[in-house]
């Protein structure tokens, strides 16, 4: 008779540098216990949340993964005529299906992103994971082993998402996340590269139509001349203009701008979006300080003498990564709220957002005759192809003038 029992526990004997503990599978046999890492690290609060009867979001996903791991351990124990830890380990870790479970692999990667404070990326992967969980429920097995993800499986997932009303852009984002996890699985030897389902003659991830979001120079001038109706509206308008004039810096870049980034006649910064992915070749973006830029800093800046202080006070030094992310999102939401109202007041035929500032910066420069190499460097792009995606088409009057040249006019 098998006497071994199983449990998933939070091993609070050792805390990692992020203040979290290892979640382990505990096997007990004849009062002897051994612990096996699940690859997860959680805080006490996260652990307790995952143990609730009806956990939500990532806590629910954790509970599902832990249940699958324990169920697998129980299944292995039942196959043993006589229990021994040696036999258990041999069967449990031999070609472990849990390592090939797509949902497990994605959750492990999400936890890794969170431990590195890459919270925005982690949230993107978590949204993708929720969609794959929903899709897996439509399959007979309810489980997704990564080598079962074939071009046909991916096509069914795409159809599933489109039928639900998701956009092609969303489908593309989620599948690029899945592809990233697939590549990691190949690198770690979990699956052979021959199972790779992406690429030509296999499955190609759909790309959403790249809608150009650039204003004309005349529209920009209307925004600059607009008379704000309140202080909040004025600040939102000015920060939008600041973004436009500062090489299309996004709100996160603006929030992270410190006084030490301002040096004489220019300011420099590293784009937050590419700081990690291009760590080996980070190139600072340099912006020449136009009088209009300086005026916005003087009007809305914190005027601190501490070079480490953030210029606009959107975030502060004591903020942890989660607090910083929440404040930047709220600032973006507020700016979009008021700049959207301004766009409506000016009767623009688009819903104006901060996104338009960056694209307008690139497109207005292109229309002025600036070399694409200069625009690419100003945007902080690694290649010209990325820059070309940002550039809108020429205005109709410019097209007419070029066509007239065909007749020598």
Protein backbone atom coordinates (compact mmCIF):
# COMPACT_ATOMS: atom_id res chain seq x y z
CA UNK A 1 0.00 0.00 0.00
CA UNK A 2 1.34 3.41 -1.01
CA UNK A 3 1.69 5.67 2.01
CA UNK A 4 3.25 8.70 0.30
CA UNK A 5 1.29 11.96 0.36
CA UNK A 6 1.65 15.20 -1.56
CA UNK A 7 1.24 18.90 -0.87
CA UNK A 8 2.13 22.20 -2.50
CA UNK A 9 3.70 24.48 0.10
CA UNK A 10 5.38 27.87 0.39
CA UNK A 11 8.90 27.22 1.67
CA UNK A 12 9.48 30.15 4.02
CA UNK A 13 12.91 28.98 5.14
CA UNK A 14 14.63 31.05 2.48
CA UNK A 15 13.64 34.41 1.00
CA UNK A 16 15.05 35.60 -2.33
CA UNK A 17 16.27 39.12 -3.10
CA UNK A 18 12.75 40.13 -4.18
CA UNK A 19 11.30 39.14 -0.82
CA UNK A 20 9.61 36.03 -2.17
CA UNK A 21 9.67 32.35 -1.24
CA UNK A 22 9.92 29.23 -3.36
CA UNK A 23 6.72 27.27 -3.97
CA UNK A 24 7.54 23.58 -3.64
CA UNK A 25 6.01 20.16 -4.08
CA UNK A 26 6.35 18.29 -0.77
CA UNK A 27 6.33 14.49 -0.76
CA UNK A 28 5.97 12.70 2.58
CA UNK A 29 6.55 8.98 3.02
CA UNK A 30 6.86 7.25 6.41
CA UNK A 31 7.46 10.63 8.07
CA UNK A 32 10.30 11.42 5.68
CA UNK A 33 9.82 14.54 3.61
CA UNK A 34 11.47 15.81 0.45
CA UNK A 35 10.80 19.08 -1.32
CA UNK A 36 10.93 19.78 -5.06
CA UNK A 37 10.92 23.23 -6.63
CA UNK A 38 8.01 24.14 -8.91
CA UNK A 39 9.96 27.02 -10.40
CA UNK A 40 7.60 29.58 -8.81
CA UNK A 41 8.40 32.25 -6.23
CA UNK A 42 5.60 34.10 -4.43
CA UNK A 43 5.22 36.50 -1.54
CA UNK A 44 3.13 35.41 1.43
CA UNK A 45 0.29 37.64 0.21
CA UNK A 46 0.39 36.15 -3.30
CA UNK A 47 0.48 32.64 -1.86
CA UNK A 48 -2.53 33.25 0.38
CA UNK A 49 -4.43 34.80 -2.53
CA UNK A 50 -3.76 31.71 -4.68
CA UNK A 51 -5.16 29.44 -1.94
CA UNK A 52 -8.58 31.10 -1.79
CA UNK A 53 -11.64 29.19 -2.93
CA UNK A 54 -12.24 31.49 -5.89
CA UNK A 55 -8.98 33.33 -6.67
CA UNK A 56 -8.88 35.89 -9.46
CA UNK A 57 -6.60 36.67 -12.38
CA UNK A 58 -2.99 35.52 -11.89
CA UNK A 59 -3.86 33.99 -8.52
CA UNK A 60 -6.33 31.72 -10.27
CA UNK A 61 -3.68 30.81 -12.82
CA UNK A 62 -1.22 29.97 -10.02
CA UNK A 63 -3.76 27.74 -8.32
CA UNK A 64 -4.42 25.93 -11.59
CA UNK A 65 -0.72 25.31 -12.22
CA UNK A 66 -0.07 24.10 -8.65
CA UNK A 67 -3.05 21.73 -8.88
CA UNK A 68 -1.68 20.30 -12.13
CA UNK A 69 1.76 19.74 -10.58
CA UNK A 70 0.31 17.98 -7.51
CA UNK A 71 -2.03 15.91 -9.69
CA UNK A 72 0.94 14.76 -11.75
CA UNK A 73 2.85 13.78 -8.58
CA UNK A 74 -0.14 11.77 -7.34
CA UNK A 75 -0.42 10.09 -10.71
CA UNK A 76 3.23 9.04 -10.58
CA UNK A 77 2.88 7.71 -7.01
CA UNK A 78 -0.08 5.55 -8.03
CA UNK A 79 1.99 3.86 -10.72
CA UNK A 80 4.61 2.69 -8.20
CA UNK A 81 4.28 -0.82 -6.73
CA UNK A 82 6.44 0.24 -3.79
CA UNK A 83 7.23 3.85 -3.12
CA UNK A 84 10.76 5.17 -2.97
CA UNK A 85 11.94 8.71 -3.53
CA UNK A 86 14.43 7.46 -6.11
CA UNK A 87 11.72 5.78 -8.20
CA UNK A 88 9.39 8.75 -7.77
CA UNK A 89 12.03 11.23 -8.96
CA UNK A 90 12.96 9.05 -11.91
CA UNK A 91 9.37 8.90 -13.17
CA UNK A 92 8.36 12.42 -12.17
CA UNK A 93 11.29 14.15 -13.85
CA UNK A 94 11.70 11.87 -16.84
CA UNK A 95 10.43 13.86 -19.82
CA UNK A 96 8.10 15.79 -17.49
CA UNK A 97 4.89 16.77 -19.20
CA UNK A 98 4.50 19.71 -16.80
CA UNK A 99 7.56 21.31 -18.38
CA UNK A 100 5.86 21.03 -21.76
CA UNK A 101 2.53 22.47 -20.68
CA UNK A 102 2.13 25.74 -22.58
CA UNK A 103 0.07 27.33 -19.81
CA UNK A 104 2.70 26.41 -17.20
CA UNK A 105 5.53 27.74 -19.36
CA UNK A 106 3.73 31.03 -19.94
CA UNK A 107 2.98 31.49 -16.24
CA UNK A 108 6.59 30.79 -15.33
CA UNK A 109 7.73 33.41 -17.83
CA UNK A 110 5.21 35.90 -16.43
CA UNK A 111 6.60 35.32 -12.94
CA UNK A 112 10.11 35.90 -14.29
CA UNK A 113 9.04 39.19 -15.89
CA UNK A 114 7.44 40.31 -12.64
CA UNK A 115 10.58 39.43 -10.66
CA UNK A 116 12.50 41.69 -13.05
CA UNK A 117 9.93 44.48 -12.53
CA UNK A 118 8.94 44.31 -16.22
CA UNK A 119 5.34 44.79 -15.20
CA UNK A 120 3.92 46.13 -18.46
CA UNK A 121 5.34 43.20 -20.43
CA UNK A 122 4.15 40.78 -17.75
CA UNK A 123 0.63 42.16 -18.06
CA UNK A 124 0.69 41.69 -21.83
CA UNK A 125 1.72 38.05 -21.40
CA UNK A 126 -0.91 37.56 -18.69
CA UNK A 127 -3.63 38.80 -21.06
CA UNK A 128 -2.36 36.40 -23.69
CA UNK A 129 -2.34 33.55 -21.16
CA UNK A 130 -5.96 34.22 -20.22
CA UNK A 131 -6.94 33.95 -23.87
CA UNK A 132 -5.07 30.64 -24.24
CA UNK A 133 -6.75 29.32 -21.07
CA UNK A 134 -10.13 30.22 -22.56
CA UNK A 135 -9.22 28.56 -25.86
CA UNK A 136 -7.90 25.42 -24.11
CA UNK A 137 -11.31 24.97 -22.49
CA UNK A 138 -12.79 24.49 -25.95
CA UNK A 139 -10.42 21.57 -26.57
CA UNK A 140 -11.27 18.08 -25.42
CA UNK A 141 -8.12 17.75 -23.30
CA UNK A 142 -8.40 21.17 -21.69
CA UNK A 143 -4.60 21.11 -21.58
CA UNK A 144 -2.07 22.38 -24.10
CA UNK A 145 1.22 20.50 -24.50
CA UNK A 146 3.59 22.73 -26.42
CA UNK A 147 4.47 20.17 -29.10
CA UNK A 148 0.74 20.01 -29.90
CA UNK A 149 0.81 23.67 -30.95
CA UNK A 150 0.82 23.14 -34.70
CA UNK A 151 0.02 25.53 -37.55
CA UNK A 152 -3.49 24.06 -37.54
CA UNK A 153 -3.82 24.69 -33.77
CA UNK A 154 -2.71 28.29 -34.25
CA UNK A 155 -5.20 28.81 -37.08
CA UNK A 156 -8.00 27.47 -34.88
CA UNK A 157 -6.94 29.85 -32.11
CA UNK A 158 -6.98 32.78 -34.54
CA UNK A 159 -10.49 31.82 -35.68
CA UNK A 160 -11.58 31.43 -32.04
CA UNK A 161 -10.35 34.94 -31.21
CA UNK A 162 -11.85 36.59 -34.30
CA UNK A 163 -15.21 34.92 -33.63
CA UNK A 164 -15.07 36.41 -30.10
CA UNK A 165 -14.69 39.87 -31.61
CA UNK A 166 -10.97 40.36 -30.96
CA UNK A 167 -9.03 42.44 -33.46
CA UNK A 168 -6.28 41.12 -35.71
CA UNK A 169 -3.88 43.39 -33.83
CA UNK A 170 -4.75 41.72 -30.50
CA UNK A 171 -4.41 38.24 -32.01
CA UNK A 172 -1.00 39.22 -33.37
CA UNK A 173 0.22 40.51 -30.00
CA UNK A 174 -0.88 37.37 -28.15
CA UNK A 175 0.67 35.04 -30.71
CA UNK A 176 3.96 36.94 -30.70
CA UNK A 177 4.01 36.41 -26.94
CA UNK A 178 3.38 32.69 -27.48
CA UNK A 179 6.17 32.61 -30.06
CA UNK A 180 8.57 34.14 -27.52
CA UNK A 181 7.75 31.38 -25.02
CA UNK A 182 8.11 28.78 -27.77
CA UNK A 183 11.59 30.11 -28.61
CA UNK A 184 12.58 29.91 -24.95
CA UNK A 185 11.33 26.33 -24.76
CA UNK A 186 13.56 25.43 -27.71
CA UNK A 187 16.54 27.19 -26.12
CA UNK A 188 16.03 25.27 -22.88
CA UNK A 189 15.73 21.93 -24.68
CA UNK A 190 12.10 21.40 -23.63
CA UNK A 191 11.05 20.89 -27.24
CA UNK A 192 12.91 20.22 -30.47
CA UNK A 193 13.08 22.99 -33.06
CA UNK A 194 11.47 20.67 -35.61
CA UNK A 195 8.16 21.33 -33.83
CA UNK A 196 8.42 25.09 -34.45
CA UNK A 197 5.05 26.04 -36.02
CA UNK A 198 5.78 29.60 -37.14
CA UNK A 199 7.17 30.94 -40.41
CA UNK A 200 6.78 30.55 -44.14
CA UNK A 201 4.84 27.50 -45.26
CA UNK A 202 3.70 27.08 -41.66
CA UNK A 203 1.70 29.62 -39.67
CA UNK A 204 2.32 33.32 -40.13
CA UNK A 205 1.21 35.62 -37.35
CA UNK A 206 -1.29 38.17 -38.69
CA UNK A 207 -0.27 41.81 -38.60
CA UNK A 208 -2.91 44.42 -37.96
CA UNK A 209 -3.19 47.28 -40.36
CA UNK A 210 -0.79 50.01 -39.32
CA UNK A 211 -3.09 52.99 -39.11
CA UNK A 212 -1.14 56.19 -39.60
CA UNK A 213 -1.65 58.56 -36.70
CA UNK A 214 -0.06 61.82 -37.73
CA UNK A 215 -1.46 65.34 -37.85
CA UNK A 216 -0.67 68.01 -40.38
CA UNK A 217 1.50 70.94 -39.40
CA UNK A 218 -1.58 73.14 -39.62
CA UNK A 219 -3.33 70.94 -37.05
CA UNK A 220 -0.30 71.09 -34.75
CA UNK A 221 -0.37 74.88 -34.91
CA UNK A 222 -4.07 74.85 -33.97
CA UNK A 223 -3.23 72.85 -30.83
CA UNK A 224 -0.41 75.26 -29.94
CA UNK A 225 -2.70 78.29 -30.36
CA UNK A 226 -5.60 76.70 -28.49
CA UNK A 227 -6.67 78.55 -25.32
CA UNK A 228 -7.15 75.98 -22.51
CA UNK A 229 -10.31 76.23 -20.42
CA UNK A 230 -8.69 74.99 -17.21
CA UNK A 231 -5.30 74.40 -15.59
CA UNK A 232 -5.65 70.65 -16.06
CA UNK A 233 -6.45 71.07 -19.74
CA UNK A 234 -3.54 73.48 -20.13
CA UNK A 235 -1.08 71.06 -18.55
CA UNK A 236 -2.32 68.18 -20.71
CA UNK A 237 -2.00 70.32 -23.85
CA UNK A 238 1.51 71.47 -22.89
CA UNK A 239 2.76 67.96 -22.09
CA UNK A 240 1.38 66.78 -25.45
CA UNK A 241 3.32 69.59 -27.17
CA UNK A 242 6.38 68.69 -25.06
CA UNK A 243 6.11 65.12 -26.35
CA UNK A 244 5.80 66.34 -29.93
CA UNK A 245 8.79 68.69 -29.68
CA UNK A 246 10.95 66.19 -27.77
CA UNK A 247 11.28 63.67 -30.59
CA UNK A 248 7.90 62.11 -29.84
CA UNK A 249 8.88 61.03 -26.31
CA UNK A 250 6.09 58.95 -24.80
CA UNK A 251 4.59 59.74 -21.40
CA UNK A 252 6.74 57.16 -19.63
CA UNK A 253 9.88 58.79 -21.05
CA UNK A 254 8.59 62.19 -19.91
CA UNK A 255 7.76 60.86 -16.45
CA UNK A 256 11.27 59.38 -16.10
CA UNK A 257 12.97 62.61 -17.21
CA UNK A 258 15.24 63.88 -14.44
CA UNK A 259 16.91 67.27 -14.04
CA UNK A 260 20.28 65.66 -14.65
CA UNK A 261 19.05 64.86 -18.17
CA UNK A 262 18.99 68.59 -18.94
CA UNK A 263 22.40 69.92 -19.88
CA UNK A 264 22.81 73.44 -21.21
CA UNK A 265 21.13 73.70 -24.59
CA UNK A 266 19.86 70.12 -24.79
CA UNK A 267 18.31 67.24 -22.91
CA UNK A 268 19.08 63.55 -23.36
CA UNK A 269 17.24 60.38 -22.39
CA UNK A 270 17.13 56.66 -23.10
CA UNK A 271 13.79 55.42 -24.35
CA UNK A 272 12.25 53.27 -21.61
CA UNK A 273 10.76 50.96 -24.23
CA UNK A 274 14.16 49.97 -25.63
CA UNK A 275 16.40 50.41 -22.58
CA UNK A 276 16.35 46.69 -21.83
CA UNK A 277 16.21 45.16 -25.31
CA UNK A 278 19.15 47.27 -26.57
CA UNK A 279 21.19 47.29 -23.36
CA UNK A 280 24.38 46.46 -25.20
CA UNK A 281 24.00 49.36 -27.61
CA UNK A 282 21.94 51.98 -25.84
CA UNK A 283 22.04 55.31 -27.65
CA UNK A 284 20.72 58.37 -25.85
CA UNK A 285 18.19 60.52 -27.68
CA UNK A 286 19.30 64.13 -27.78
CA UNK A 287 16.78 66.98 -28.02
CA UNK A 288 17.80 70.56 -28.59
CA UNK A 289 16.03 72.85 -26.12
CA UNK A 290 13.74 75.11 -28.10
CA UNK A 291 12.39 78.08 -26.10
CA UNK A 292 8.97 76.41 -26.16
CA UNK A 293 10.39 73.28 -24.50
CA UNK A 294 12.15 75.31 -21.81
CA UNK A 295 8.97 77.28 -21.16
CA UNK A 296 6.97 74.09 -20.53
CA UNK A 297 9.64 72.81 -18.11
CA UNK A 298 9.64 76.12 -16.23
CA UNK A 299 5.84 76.22 -16.10
CA UNK A 300 5.07 72.64 -15.07
CA UNK A 301 8.37 71.34 -13.69
CA UNK A 302 9.02 70.84 -9.97
CA UNK A 303 11.92 73.35 -10.09
CA UNK A 304 14.03 71.08 -7.88
CA UNK A 305 17.75 71.62 -7.33
CA UNK A 306 18.26 67.89 -6.90
CA UNK A 307 19.55 66.45 -10.22
CA UNK A 308 17.96 63.07 -9.41
CA UNK A 309 14.45 64.48 -9.01
CA UNK A 310 11.93 63.87 -11.78
CA UNK A 311 11.19 67.00 -13.78
CA UNK A 312 7.40 66.88 -13.92
CA UNK A 313 6.71 65.09 -10.64
CA UNK A 314 4.55 62.43 -12.29
CA UNK A 315 6.49 59.87 -10.26
CA UNK A 316 8.82 60.21 -7.28
CA UNK A 317 11.95 58.42 -6.05
CA UNK A 318 10.25 56.41 -3.24
CA UNK A 319 7.76 54.81 -5.67
CA UNK A 320 8.09 51.07 -6.18
CA UNK A 321 7.74 49.70 -9.74
CA UNK A 322 4.01 48.97 -9.38
CA UNK A 323 3.29 52.46 -8.01
CA UNK A 324 5.37 54.02 -10.76
CA UNK A 325 3.49 52.09 -13.44
CA UNK A 326 0.12 53.10 -11.97
CA UNK A 327 1.08 56.80 -11.85
CA UNK A 328 2.36 56.82 -15.43
CA UNK A 329 -0.81 55.13 -16.65
CA UNK A 330 -2.96 57.63 -14.79
CA UNK A 331 -0.97 60.54 -16.25
CA UNK A 332 -1.40 59.11 -19.75
CA UNK A 333 -5.12 58.62 -19.16
CA UNK A 334 -5.51 62.21 -17.91
CA UNK A 335 -3.58 63.71 -20.82
CA UNK A 336 -5.59 61.66 -23.32
CA UNK A 337 -8.82 62.79 -21.66
CA UNK A 338 -8.06 66.48 -22.08
CA UNK A 339 -6.19 66.35 -25.39
CA UNK A 340 -9.13 64.36 -26.76
CA UNK A 341 -11.46 67.17 -25.73
CA UNK A 342 -9.19 69.69 -27.41
CA UNK A 343 -9.20 67.65 -30.60
CA UNK A 344 -13.01 67.58 -30.55
CA UNK A 345 -13.16 71.33 -29.90
CA UNK A 346 -10.87 71.92 -32.86
CA UNK A 347 -13.12 69.62 -34.93
CA UNK A 348 -10.39 67.12 -35.82
CA UNK A 349 -11.77 64.04 -37.55
CA UNK A 350 -9.67 61.75 -35.31
CA UNK A 351 -9.69 61.00 -31.59
CA UNK A 352 -6.55 62.81 -30.49
CA UNK A 353 -4.23 60.92 -28.08
CA UNK A 354 -0.61 61.03 -26.98
CA UNK A 355 0.13 58.49 -29.71
CA UNK A 356 -0.37 61.20 -32.32
CA UNK A 357 2.45 63.32 -30.87
CA UNK A 358 5.15 60.77 -31.73
CA UNK A 359 3.84 59.98 -35.19
CA UNK A 360 3.28 63.64 -35.97
CA UNK A 361 6.87 64.48 -34.97
CA UNK A 362 8.20 61.93 -37.47
CA UNK A 363 5.80 62.76 -40.28
CA UNK A 364 6.10 66.56 -40.06
CA UNK A 365 9.89 66.19 -40.24
CA UNK A 366 9.57 63.92 -43.28
CA UNK A 367 7.28 66.37 -45.03
CA UNK A 368 9.77 69.14 -44.30
CA UNK A 369 12.45 67.23 -46.17
CA UNK A 370 14.43 65.85 -43.21
CA UNK A 371 16.45 62.71 -44.08
CA UNK A 372 14.89 59.48 -42.84
CA UNK A 373 18.23 58.66 -41.17
CA UNK A 374 17.88 61.78 -38.98
CA UNK A 375 14.27 60.93 -38.14
CA UNK A 376 15.24 57.34 -37.26
CA UNK A 377 18.02 58.53 -34.95
CA UNK A 378 15.70 61.07 -33.33
CA UNK A 379 13.09 58.39 -32.62
CA UNK A 380 15.68 56.00 -31.21
CA UNK A 381 14.94 53.28 -33.76
CA UNK A 382 17.44 50.53 -34.49
CA UNK A 383 16.60 50.33 -38.20
CA UNK A 384 15.02 52.41 -40.93
CA UNK A 385 12.21 49.91 -41.55
CA UNK A 386 10.77 50.66 -38.08
CA UNK A 387 10.91 54.38 -38.89
CA UNK A 388 9.15 53.91 -42.21
CA UNK A 389 6.21 52.33 -40.38
CA UNK A 390 5.83 55.53 -38.40
CA UNK A 391 5.83 57.84 -41.39
CA UNK A 392 2.51 58.90 -42.80
CA UNK A 393 1.89 59.63 -46.46
CA UNK A 394 2.45 63.04 -47.95
CA UNK A 395 -0.34 65.60 -47.82
CA UNK A 396 -2.52 66.03 -50.90
CA UNK A 397 -1.07 69.41 -51.84
CA UNK A 398 2.43 67.93 -51.78
CA UNK A 399 1.28 65.07 -54.00
CA UNK A 400 -0.23 67.54 -56.45
CA UNK A 401 2.99 69.56 -56.63
CA UNK A 402 5.02 66.41 -57.29
CA UNK A 403 2.63 65.30 -60.04
CA UNK A 404 2.84 68.73 -61.69
CA UNK A 405 6.57 68.20 -62.00
CA UNK A 406 5.78 65.32 -64.37
CA UNK A 407 4.55 67.97 -66.80
CA UNK A 408 7.34 70.42 -66.07
CA UNK A 409 4.94 72.75 -64.20
